[in-house]
All heavy atoms as atom14 arrays in JSON, in Angstrom:
{
  "sequence": "VETSSAGLDIIDLLPGYDKVIIIDAIITGKSKPGSIHRLSSLELN",
  "atom14_mask": [
    [1, 1, 1, 1, 1, 1, 1, 0, 0, 0, 0, 0, 0, 0],
    [1, 1, 1, 1, 1, 1, 1, 1, 1, 0, 0, 0, 0, 0],
    [1, 1, 1, 1, 1, 1, 1, 0, 0, 0, 0, 0, 0, 0],
    [1, 1, 1, 1, 1, 1, 0, 0, 0, 0, 0, 0, 0, 0],
    [1, 1, 1, 1, 1, 1, 0, 0, 0, 0, 0, 0, 0, 0],
    [1, 1, 1, 1, 1, 0, 0, 0, 0, 0, 0, 0, 0, 0],
    [1, 1, 1, 1, 0, 0, 0, 0, 0, 0, 0, 0, 0, 0],
    [1, 1, 1, 1, 1, 1, 1, 1, 0, 0, 0, 0, 0, 0],
    [1, 1, 1, 1, 1, 1, 1, 1, 0, 0, 0, 0, 0, 0],
    [1, 1, 1, 1, 1, 1, 1, 1, 0, 0, 0, 0, 0, 0],
    [1, 1, 1, 1, 1, 1, 1, 1, 0, 0, 0, 0, 0, 0],
    [1, 1, 1, 1, 1, 1, 1, 1, 0, 0, 0, 0, 0, 0],
    [1, 1, 1, 1, 1, 1, 1, 1, 0, 0, 0, 0, 0, 0],
    [1, 1, 1, 1, 1, 1, 1, 1, 0, 0, 0, 0, 0, 0],
    [1, 1, 1, 1, 1, 1, 1, 0, 0, 0, 0, 0, 0, 0],
    [1, 1, 1, 1, 0, 0, 0, 0, 0, 0, 0, 0, 0, 0],
    [1, 1, 1, 1, 1, 1, 1, 1, 1, 1, 1, 1, 0, 0],
    [1, 1, 1, 1, 1, 1, 1, 1, 0, 0, 0, 0, 0, 0],
    [1, 1, 1, 1, 1, 1, 1, 1, 1, 0, 0, 0, 0, 0],
    [1, 1, 1, 1, 1, 1, 1, 0, 0, 0, 0, 0, 0, 0],
    [1, 1, 1, 1, 1, 1, 1, 1, 0, 0, 0, 0, 0, 0],
    [1, 1, 1, 1, 1, 1, 1, 1, 0, 0, 0, 0, 0, 0],
    [1, 1, 1, 1, 1, 1, 1, 1, 0, 0, 0, 0, 0, 0],
    [1, 1, 1, 1, 1, 1, 1, 1, 0, 0, 0, 0, 0, 0],
    [1, 1, 1, 1, 1, 0, 0, 0, 0, 0, 0, 0, 0, 0],
    [1, 1, 1, 1, 1, 1, 1, 1, 0, 0, 0, 0, 0, 0],
    [1, 1, 1, 1, 1, 1, 1, 1, 0, 0, 0, 0, 0, 0],
    [1, 1, 1, 1, 1, 1, 1, 0, 0, 0, 0, 0, 0, 0],
    [1, 1, 1, 1, 0, 0, 0, 0, 0, 0, 0, 0, 0, 0],
    [1, 1, 1, 1, 1, 1, 1, 1, 1, 0, 0, 0, 0, 0],
    [1, 1, 1, 1, 1, 1, 0, 0, 0, 0, 0, 0, 0, 0],
    [1, 1, 1, 1, 1, 1, 1, 1, 1, 0, 0, 0, 0, 0],
    [1, 1, 1, 1, 1, 1, 1, 0, 0, 0, 0, 0, 0, 0],
    [1, 1, 1, 1, 0, 0, 0, 0, 0, 0, 0, 0, 0, 0],
    [1, 1, 1, 1, 1, 1, 0, 0, 0, 0, 0, 0, 0, 0],
    [1, 1, 1, 1, 1, 1, 1, 1, 0, 0, 0, 0, 0, 0],
    [1, 1, 1, 1, 1, 1, 1, 1, 1, 1, 0, 0, 0, 0],
    [1, 1, 1, 1, 1, 1, 1, 1, 1, 1, 1, 0, 0, 0],
    [1, 1, 1, 1, 1, 1, 1, 1, 0, 0, 0, 0, 0, 0],
    [1, 1, 1, 1, 1, 1, 0, 0, 0, 0, 0, 0, 0, 0],
    [1, 1, 1, 1, 1, 1, 0, 0, 0, 0, 0, 0, 0, 0],
    [1, 1, 1, 1, 1, 1, 1, 1, 0, 0, 0, 0, 0, 0],
    [1, 1, 1, 1, 1, 1, 1, 1, 1, 0, 0, 0, 0, 0],
    [1, 1, 1, 1, 1, 1, 1, 1, 0, 0, 0, 0, 0, 0],
    [1, 1, 1, 1, 1, 1, 1, 1, 0, 0, 0, 0, 0, 0]
  ],
  "atom14_positions": [
    [[-9.15, 5.42, 11.18], [-9.66, 6.07, 9.97], [-8.8, 5.68, 8.77], [-7.63, 5.36, 8.91], [-9.7, 7.61, 10.09], [-10.64, 8.04, 11.18], [-8.33, 8.19, 10.31], [0.0, 0.0, 0.0], [0.0, 0.0, 0.0], [0.0, 0.0, 0.0], [0.0, 0.0, 0.0], [0.0, 0.0, 0.0], [0.0, 0.0, 0.0], [0.0, 0.0, 0.0]],
    [[-9.43, 5.7, 7.61], [-8.72, 5.55, 6.34], [-8.84, 6.88, 5.62], [-9.91, 7.5, 5.65], [-9.38, 4.49, 5.47], [-9.41, 3.1, 6.01], [-10.24, 2.22, 5.09], [-9.93, 2.15, 3.89], [-11.2, 1.61, 5.59], [0.0, 0.0, 0.0], [0.0, 0.0, 0.0], [0.0, 0.0, 0.0], [0.0, 0.0, 0.0], [0.0, 0.0, 0.0]],
    [[-7.77, 7.3, 4.97], [-7.84, 8.56, 4.24], [-6.88, 8.55, 3.06], [-5.86, 7.89, 3.08], [-7.55, 9.76, 5.16], [-7.75, 10.97, 4.43], [-6.13, 9.72, 5.7], [0.0, 0.0, 0.0], [0.0, 0.0, 0.0], [0.0, 0.0, 0.0], [0.0, 0.0, 0.0], [0.0, 0.0, 0.0], [0.0, 0.0, 0.0], [0.0, 0.0, 0.0]],
    [[-7.28, 9.29, 2.05], [-6.37, 9.53, 0.93], [-5.91, 10.99, 0.97], [-5.23, 11.45, 0.07], [-7.05, 9.22, -0.41], [-8.24, 9.96, -0.53], [0.0, 0.0, 0.0], [0.0, 0.0, 0.0], [0.0, 0.0, 0.0], [0.0, 0.0, 0.0], [0.0, 0.0, 0.0], [0.0, 0.0, 0.0], [0.0, 0.0, 0.0], [0.0, 0.0, 0.0]],
    [[-6.3, 11.69, 2.04], [-5.88, 13.08, 2.23], [-4.39, 13.13, 2.55], [-3.82, 12.17, 3.03], [-6.64, 13.73, 3.37], [-8.0, 13.8, 3.08], [0.0, 0.0, 0.0], [0.0, 0.0, 0.0], [0.0, 0.0, 0.0], [0.0, 0.0, 0.0], [0.0, 0.0, 0.0], [0.0, 0.0, 0.0], [0.0, 0.0, 0.0], [0.0, 0.0, 0.0]],
    [[-3.82, 14.29, 2.3], [-2.41, 14.49, 2.62], [-2.19, 15.96, 2.91], [-3.12, 16.76, 2.89], [-1.54, 14.03, 1.44], [0.0, 0.0, 0.0], [0.0, 0.0, 0.0], [0.0, 0.0, 0.0], [0.0, 0.0, 0.0], [0.0, 0.0, 0.0], [0.0, 0.0, 0.0], [0.0, 0.0, 0.0], [0.0, 0.0, 0.0], [0.0, 0.0, 0.0]],
    [[-0.95, 16.3, 3.17], [-0.61, 17.69, 3.38], [-1.26, 18.28, 4.6], [-1.29, 17.69, 5.67], [0.0, 0.0, 0.0], [0.0, 0.0, 0.0], [0.0, 0.0, 0.0], [0.0, 0.0, 0.0], [0.0, 0.0, 0.0], [0.0, 0.0, 0.0], [0.0, 0.0, 0.0], [0.0, 0.0, 0.0], [0.0, 0.0, 0.0], [0.0, 0.0, 0.0]],
    [[-1.84, 19.46, 4.42], [-2.43, 20.19, 5.54], [-3.64, 19.5, 6.15], [-3.98, 19.75, 7.3], [-2.82, 21.6, 5.09], [-1.66, 22.53, 4.79], [-2.18, 23.88, 4.3], [-0.78, 22.73, 6.01], [0.0, 0.0, 0.0], [0.0, 0.0, 0.0], [0.0, 0.0, 0.0], [0.0, 0.0, 0.0], [0.0, 0.0, 0.0], [0.0, 0.0, 0.0]],
    [[-4.31, 18.64, 5.4], [-5.51, 17.98, 5.9], [-5.25, 17.16, 7.17], [-6.14, 16.99, 7.99], [-6.12, 17.07, 4.83], [-6.67, 17.86, 3.66], [-6.99, 19.05, 3.84], [-6.77, 17.29, 2.56], [0.0, 0.0, 0.0], [0.0, 0.0, 0.0], [0.0, 0.0, 0.0], [0.0, 0.0, 0.0], [0.0, 0.0, 0.0], [0.0, 0.0, 0.0]],
    [[-4.03, 16.67, 7.33], [-3.73, 15.84, 8.5], [-3.77, 16.65, 9.79], [-4.08, 16.11, 10.85], [-2.37, 15.12, 8.35], [-2.23, 14.09, 9.47], [-1.22, 16.1, 8.36], [-1.05, 13.19, 9.36], [0.0, 0.0, 0.0], [0.0, 0.0, 0.0], [0.0, 0.0, 0.0], [0.0, 0.0, 0.0], [0.0, 0.0, 0.0], [0.0, 0.0, 0.0]],
    [[-3.52, 17.94, 9.72], [-3.51, 18.77, 10.92], [-4.85, 18.7, 11.65], [-4.91, 18.67, 12.87], [-3.14, 20.24, 10.59], [-1.7, 20.31, 10.1], [-3.33, 21.14, 11.8], [-1.3, 21.68, 9.6], [0.0, 0.0, 0.0], [0.0, 0.0, 0.0], [0.0, 0.0, 0.0], [0.0, 0.0, 0.0], [0.0, 0.0, 0.0], [0.0, 0.0, 0.0]],
    [[-5.94, 18.64, 10.91], [-7.27, 18.58, 11.52], [-7.58, 17.24, 12.18], [-8.45, 17.17, 13.04], [-8.35, 18.87, 10.47], [-8.28, 20.29, 9.95], [-7.82, 21.18, 10.69], [-8.68, 20.51, 8.79], [0.0, 0.0, 0.0], [0.0, 0.0, 0.0], [0.0, 0.0, 0.0], [0.0, 0.0, 0.0], [0.0, 0.0, 0.0], [0.0, 0.0, 0.0]],
    [[-6.88, 16.19, 11.79], [-7.15, 14.87, 12.35], [-6.5, 14.64, 13.71], [-7.02, 13.87, 14.52], [-6.65, 13.78, 11.39], [-7.3, 13.65, 10.03], [-6.56, 12.62, 9.19], [-8.76, 13.28, 10.17], [0.0, 0.0, 0.0], [0.0, 0.0, 0.0], [0.0, 0.0, 0.0], [0.0, 0.0, 0.0], [0.0, 0.0, 0.0], [0.0, 0.0, 0.0]],
    [[-5.38, 15.28, 13.98], [-4.53, 14.91, 15.11], [-4.88, 15.48, 16.48], [-4.67, 14.8, 17.48], [-3.07, 15.26, 14.78], [-2.52, 14.63, 13.5], [-1.08, 15.04, 13.3], [-2.66, 13.14, 13.51], [0.0, 0.0, 0.0], [0.0, 0.0, 0.0], [0.0, 0.0, 0.0], [0.0, 0.0, 0.0], [0.0, 0.0, 0.0], [0.0, 0.0, 0.0]],
    [[-5.37, 16.71, 16.59], [-5.63, 17.24, 17.94], [-6.6, 16.37, 18.74], [-7.55, 15.8, 18.19], [-6.23, 18.62, 17.66], [-5.65, 19.01, 16.34], [-5.61, 17.71, 15.56], [0.0, 0.0, 0.0], [0.0, 0.0, 0.0], [0.0, 0.0, 0.0], [0.0, 0.0, 0.0], [0.0, 0.0, 0.0], [0.0, 0.0, 0.0], [0.0, 0.0, 0.0]],
    [[-6.32, 16.25, 20.04], [-7.17, 15.47, 20.93], [-6.68, 14.06, 21.16], [-7.25, 13.32, 21.97], [0.0, 0.0, 0.0], [0.0, 0.0, 0.0], [0.0, 0.0, 0.0], [0.0, 0.0, 0.0], [0.0, 0.0, 0.0], [0.0, 0.0, 0.0], [0.0, 0.0, 0.0], [0.0, 0.0, 0.0], [0.0, 0.0, 0.0], [0.0, 0.0, 0.0]],
    [[-5.63, 13.66, 20.47], [-5.08, 12.32, 20.64], [-3.71, 12.39, 21.3], [-2.93, 13.3, 21.05], [-4.98, 11.59, 19.29], [-6.33, 11.26, 18.72], [-6.93, 12.11, 17.78], [-7.02, 10.14, 19.14], [-8.19, 11.83, 17.28], [-8.29, 9.85, 18.63], [-8.86, 10.7, 17.7], [-10.11, 10.42, 17.21], [0.0, 0.0, 0.0], [0.0, 0.0, 0.0]],
    [[-3.43, 11.4, 22.15], [-2.14, 11.31, 22.81], [-1.11, 10.58, 21.94], [0.08, 10.87, 22.0], [-2.28, 10.54, 24.14], [-3.33, 11.16, 25.04], [-3.15, 12.33, 25.42], [-4.33, 10.49, 25.34], [0.0, 0.0, 0.0], [0.0, 0.0, 0.0], [0.0, 0.0, 0.0], [0.0, 0.0, 0.0], [0.0, 0.0, 0.0], [0.0, 0.0, 0.0]],
    [[-1.62, 9.64, 21.16], [-0.75, 8.79, 20.34], [-1.39, 8.62, 18.97], [-2.61, 8.46, 18.87], [-0.6, 7.44, 21.03], [0.29, 6.44, 20.35], [0.34, 5.17, 21.2], [1.36, 4.19, 20.75], [1.43, 3.02, 21.65], [0.0, 0.0, 0.0], [0.0, 0.0, 0.0], [0.0, 0.0, 0.0], [0.0, 0.0, 0.0], [0.0, 0.0, 0.0]],
    [[-0.57, 8.69, 17.93], [-1.05, 8.47, 16.57], [-0.17, 7.42, 15.91], [1.06, 7.49, 15.99], [-1.03, 9.79, 15.75], [-1.41, 9.51, 14.3], [-1.97, 10.82, 16.36], [0.0, 0.0, 0.0], [0.0, 0.0, 0.0], [0.0, 0.0, 0.0], [0.0, 0.0, 0.0], [0.0, 0.0, 0.0], [0.0, 0.0, 0.0], [0.0, 0.0, 0.0]],
    [[-0.82, 6.46, 15.27], [-0.12, 5.43, 14.5], [-0.54, 5.62, 13.05], [-1.73, 5.57, 12.73], [-0.45, 4.02, 15.0], [-0.02, 3.86, 16.47], [0.21, 2.96, 14.11], [-0.47, 2.57, 17.12], [0.0, 0.0, 0.0], [0.0, 0.0, 0.0], [0.0, 0.0, 0.0], [0.0, 0.0, 0.0], [0.0, 0.0, 0.0], [0.0, 0.0, 0.0]],
    [[0.43, 5.82, 12.2], [0.19, 6.05, 10.78], [0.71, 4.87, 9.98], [1.83, 4.39, 10.23], [0.88, 7.35, 10.32], [0.24, 8.55, 11.04], [0.83, 7.51, 8.81], [0.97, 9.86, 10.83], [0.0, 0.0, 0.0], [0.0, 0.0, 0.0], [0.0, 0.0, 0.0], [0.0, 0.0, 0.0], [0.0, 0.0, 0.0], [0.0, 0.0, 0.0]],
    [[-0.09, 4.42, 9.03], [0.34, 3.35, 8.12], [0.26, 3.9, 6.71], [-0.76, 4.44, 6.3], [-0.55, 2.09, 8.22], [-0.79, 1.68, 9.68], [0.09, 0.94, 7.44], [-2.16, 2.01, 10.17], [0.0, 0.0, 0.0], [0.0, 0.0, 0.0], [0.0, 0.0, 0.0], [0.0, 0.0, 0.0], [0.0, 0.0, 0.0], [0.0, 0.0, 0.0]],
    [[1.36, 3.76, 5.96], [1.38, 4.3, 4.61], [2.36, 3.5, 3.76], [3.23, 2.79, 4.27], [1.8, 5.77, 4.64], [1.39, 6.54, 3.4], [0.79, 5.95, 2.48], [1.67, 7.75, 3.34], [0.0, 0.0, 0.0], [0.0, 0.0, 0.0], [0.0, 0.0, 0.0], [0.0, 0.0, 0.0], [0.0, 0.0, 0.0], [0.0, 0.0, 0.0]],
    [[2.2, 3.64, 2.46], [3.15, 3.06, 1.5], [4.43, 3.87, 1.54], [4.4, 5.09, 1.76], [2.54, 3.08, 0.1], [0.0, 0.0, 0.0], [0.0, 0.0, 0.0], [0.0, 0.0, 0.0], [0.0, 0.0, 0.0], [0.0, 0.0, 0.0], [0.0, 0.0, 0.0], [0.0, 0.0, 0.0], [0.0, 0.0, 0.0], [0.0, 0.0, 0.0]],
    [[5.56, 3.21, 1.33], [6.85, 3.89, 1.31], [7.72, 3.24, 0.24], [7.63, 2.04, 0.0], [7.52, 3.83, 2.71], [8.74, 4.72, 2.79], [7.86, 2.4, 3.08], [9.31, 4.86, 4.18], [0.0, 0.0, 0.0], [0.0, 0.0, 0.0], [0.0, 0.0, 0.0], [0.0, 0.0, 0.0], [0.0, 0.0, 0.0], [0.0, 0.0, 0.0]],
    [[8.52, 4.06, -0.39], [9.49, 3.55, -1.36], [10.86, 4.09, -0.95], [11.12, 5.28, -1.08], [9.16, 3.98, -2.8], [7.8, 3.45, -3.22], [10.25, 3.5, -3.77], [7.31, 3.95, -4.57], [0.0, 0.0, 0.0], [0.0, 0.0, 0.0], [0.0, 0.0, 0.0], [0.0, 0.0, 0.0], [0.0, 0.0, 0.0], [0.0, 0.0, 0.0]],
    [[11.7, 3.21, -0.43], [13.05, 3.62, -0.05], [14.07, 3.24, -1.11], [15.13, 3.82, -1.18], [13.48, 2.98, 1.29], [13.6, 1.56, 1.1], [12.5, 3.28, 2.4], [0.0, 0.0, 0.0], [0.0, 0.0, 0.0], [0.0, 0.0, 0.0], [0.0, 0.0, 0.0], [0.0, 0.0, 0.0], [0.0, 0.0, 0.0], [0.0, 0.0, 0.0]],
    [[13.73, 2.22, -1.89], [14.67, 1.72, -2.88], [15.77, 0.87, -2.25], [16.68, 0.43, -2.93], [0.0, 0.0, 0.0], [0.0, 0.0, 0.0], [0.0, 0.0, 0.0], [0.0, 0.0, 0.0], [0.0, 0.0, 0.0], [0.0, 0.0, 0.0], [0.0, 0.0, 0.0], [0.0, 0.0, 0.0], [0.0, 0.0, 0.0], [0.0, 0.0, 0.0]],
    [[15.67, 0.64, -0.94], [16.7, -0.11, -0.22], [16.19, -1.43, 0.34], [16.97, -2.23, 0.83], [17.25, 0.73, 0.93], [17.9, 2.01, 0.47], [18.35, 2.85, 1.65], [18.91, 4.17, 1.17], [19.28, 5.05, 2.27], [0.0, 0.0, 0.0], [0.0, 0.0, 0.0], [0.0, 0.0, 0.0], [0.0, 0.0, 0.0], [0.0, 0.0, 0.0]],
    [[14.88, -1.63, 0.31], [14.29, -2.83, 0.9], [13.37, -3.51, -0.1], [12.89, -2.91, -1.05], [13.47, -2.45, 2.14], [14.28, -1.83, 3.1], [0.0, 0.0, 0.0], [0.0, 0.0, 0.0], [0.0, 0.0, 0.0], [0.0, 0.0, 0.0], [0.0, 0.0, 0.0], [0.0, 0.0, 0.0], [0.0, 0.0, 0.0], [0.0, 0.0, 0.0]],
    [[13.11, -4.79, 0.17], [12.22, -5.56, -0.69], [10.78, -5.12, -0.47], [10.4, -4.75, 0.64], [12.33, -7.05, -0.36], [13.66, -7.67, -0.67], [13.63, -9.13, -0.28], [14.99, -9.76, -0.48], [14.99, -11.17, -0.04], [0.0, 0.0, 0.0], [0.0, 0.0, 0.0], [0.0, 0.0, 0.0], [0.0, 0.0, 0.0], [0.0, 0.0, 0.0]],
    [[9.95, -5.2, -1.52], [8.53, -4.94, -1.34], [7.95, -5.83, -0.24], [8.28, -7.01, -0.15], [7.91, -5.28, -2.69], [9.03, -5.06, -3.66], [10.28, -5.5, -2.92], [0.0, 0.0, 0.0], [0.0, 0.0, 0.0], [0.0, 0.0, 0.0], [0.0, 0.0, 0.0], [0.0, 0.0, 0.0], [0.0, 0.0, 0.0], [0.0, 0.0, 0.0]],
    [[7.14, -5.25, 0.62], [6.57, -5.97, 1.75], [7.33, -5.76, 3.04], [6.83, -6.12, 4.11], [0.0, 0.0, 0.0], [0.0, 0.0, 0.0], [0.0, 0.0, 0.0], [0.0, 0.0, 0.0], [0.0, 0.0, 0.0], [0.0, 0.0, 0.0], [0.0, 0.0, 0.0], [0.0, 0.0, 0.0], [0.0, 0.0, 0.0], [0.0, 0.0, 0.0]],
    [[8.51, -5.18, 2.97], [9.26, -4.86, 4.19], [8.52, -3.77, 4.95], [7.91, -2.89, 4.35], [10.67, -4.36, 3.86], [11.4, -5.34, 3.15], [0.0, 0.0, 0.0], [0.0, 0.0, 0.0], [0.0, 0.0, 0.0], [0.0, 0.0, 0.0], [0.0, 0.0, 0.0], [0.0, 0.0, 0.0], [0.0, 0.0, 0.0], [0.0, 0.0, 0.0]],
    [[8.59, -3.82, 6.26], [7.91, -2.83, 7.09], [8.95, -2.0, 7.83], [9.85, -2.55, 8.47], [6.95, -3.51, 8.08], [5.9, -4.31, 7.31], [6.29, -2.46, 8.99], [5.02, -5.17, 8.18], [0.0, 0.0, 0.0], [0.0, 0.0, 0.0], [0.0, 0.0, 0.0], [0.0, 0.0, 0.0], [0.0, 0.0, 0.0], [0.0, 0.0, 0.0]],
    [[8.82, -0.69, 7.72], [9.73, 0.24, 8.39], [8.97, 0.93, 9.51], [7.88, 1.47, 9.28], [10.24, 1.3, 7.41], [10.88, 0.72, 6.19], [12.19, 0.33, 6.14], [10.35, 0.45, 4.96], [12.46, -0.14, 4.94], [11.36, -0.08, 4.2], [0.0, 0.0, 0.0], [0.0, 0.0, 0.0], [0.0, 0.0, 0.0], [0.0, 0.0, 0.0]],
    [[9.53, 0.94, 10.71], [8.92, 1.66, 11.84], [9.71, 2.95, 12.03], [10.92, 2.93, 12.24], [8.96, 0.83, 13.11], [8.26, 1.51, 14.29], [8.49, 0.73, 15.59], [7.73, 1.25, 16.69], [8.05, 2.34, 17.38], [9.13, 3.06, 17.06], [7.3, 2.75, 18.39], [0.0, 0.0, 0.0], [0.0, 0.0, 0.0], [0.0, 0.0, 0.0]],
    [[9.02, 4.06, 11.94], [9.66, 5.37, 12.06], [8.94, 6.19, 13.13], [7.77, 5.95, 13.42], [9.57, 6.13, 10.73], [10.08, 5.41, 9.49], [9.59, 6.11, 8.23], [11.59, 5.35, 9.52], [0.0, 0.0, 0.0], [0.0, 0.0, 0.0], [0.0, 0.0, 0.0], [0.0, 0.0, 0.0], [0.0, 0.0, 0.0], [0.0, 0.0, 0.0]],
    [[9.65, 7.16, 13.67], [9.0, 8.12, 14.56], [8.92, 9.45, 13.84], [9.59, 9.67, 12.84], [9.79, 8.27, 15.86], [10.97, 9.02, 15.63], [0.0, 0.0, 0.0], [0.0, 0.0, 0.0], [0.0, 0.0, 0.0], [0.0, 0.0, 0.0], [0.0, 0.0, 0.0], [0.0, 0.0, 0.0], [0.0, 0.0, 0.0], [0.0, 0.0, 0.0]],
    [[8.11, 10.35, 14.38], [7.98, 11.66, 13.74], [9.3, 12.43, 13.77], [9.52, 13.31, 12.95], [6.88, 12.48, 14.4], [7.16, 12.66, 15.77], [0.0, 0.0, 0.0], [0.0, 0.0, 0.0], [0.0, 0.0, 0.0], [0.0, 0.0, 0.0], [0.0, 0.0, 0.0], [0.0, 0.0, 0.0], [0.0, 0.0, 0.0], [0.0, 0.0, 0.0]],
    [[10.19, 12.08, 14.68], [11.49, 12.74, 14.75], [12.37, 12.41, 13.55], [13.3, 13.14, 13.24], [12.23, 12.34, 16.04], [11.52, 12.7, 17.34], [12.28, 12.14, 18.53], [11.35, 14.2, 17.46], [0.0, 0.0, 0.0], [0.0, 0.0, 0.0], [0.0, 0.0, 0.0], [0.0, 0.0, 0.0], [0.0, 0.0, 0.0], [0.0, 0.0, 0.0]],
    [[12.07, 11.31, 12.87], [12.86, 10.89, 11.72], [12.38, 11.5, 10.4], [12.97, 11.26, 9.36], [12.84, 9.36, 11.6], [13.5, 8.68, 12.79], [13.32, 7.18, 12.76], [14.15, 6.51, 12.12], [12.36, 6.7, 13.39], [0.0, 0.0, 0.0], [0.0, 0.0, 0.0], [0.0, 0.0, 0.0], [0.0, 0.0, 0.0], [0.0, 0.0, 0.0]],
    [[11.31, 12.29, 10.47], [10.77, 12.89, 9.27], [11.44, 14.23, 9.02], [11.69, 15.0, 9.93], [9.27, 13.12, 9.42], [8.43, 11.88, 9.65], [6.99, 12.28, 9.92], [8.51, 10.94, 8.47], [0.0, 0.0, 0.0], [0.0, 0.0, 0.0], [0.0, 0.0, 0.0], [0.0, 0.0, 0.0], [0.0, 0.0, 0.0], [0.0, 0.0, 0.0]],
    [[11.71, 14.49, 7.76], [12.23, 15.81, 7.4], [11.08, 16.79, 7.36], [10.01, 16.48, 6.88], [12.88, 15.77, 6.0], [14.13, 14.93, 6.0], [14.83, 14.84, 6.99], [14.41, 14.3, 4.87], [0.0, 0.0, 0.0], [0.0, 0.0, 0.0], [0.0, 0.0, 0.0], [0.0, 0.0, 0.0], [0.0, 0.0, 0.0], [0.0, 0.0, 0.0]]
  ]
}
């Protein structure tokens, strides 16, 4: 799926799945544009 939703809307998308892969834009200020960062949900605040 593609979505521009955020926040609480994601809760409705996730139930029923064993694995979720999320792709999103990120700005760390530490890497060049086009760099790809792989994160787990454990790394999210």
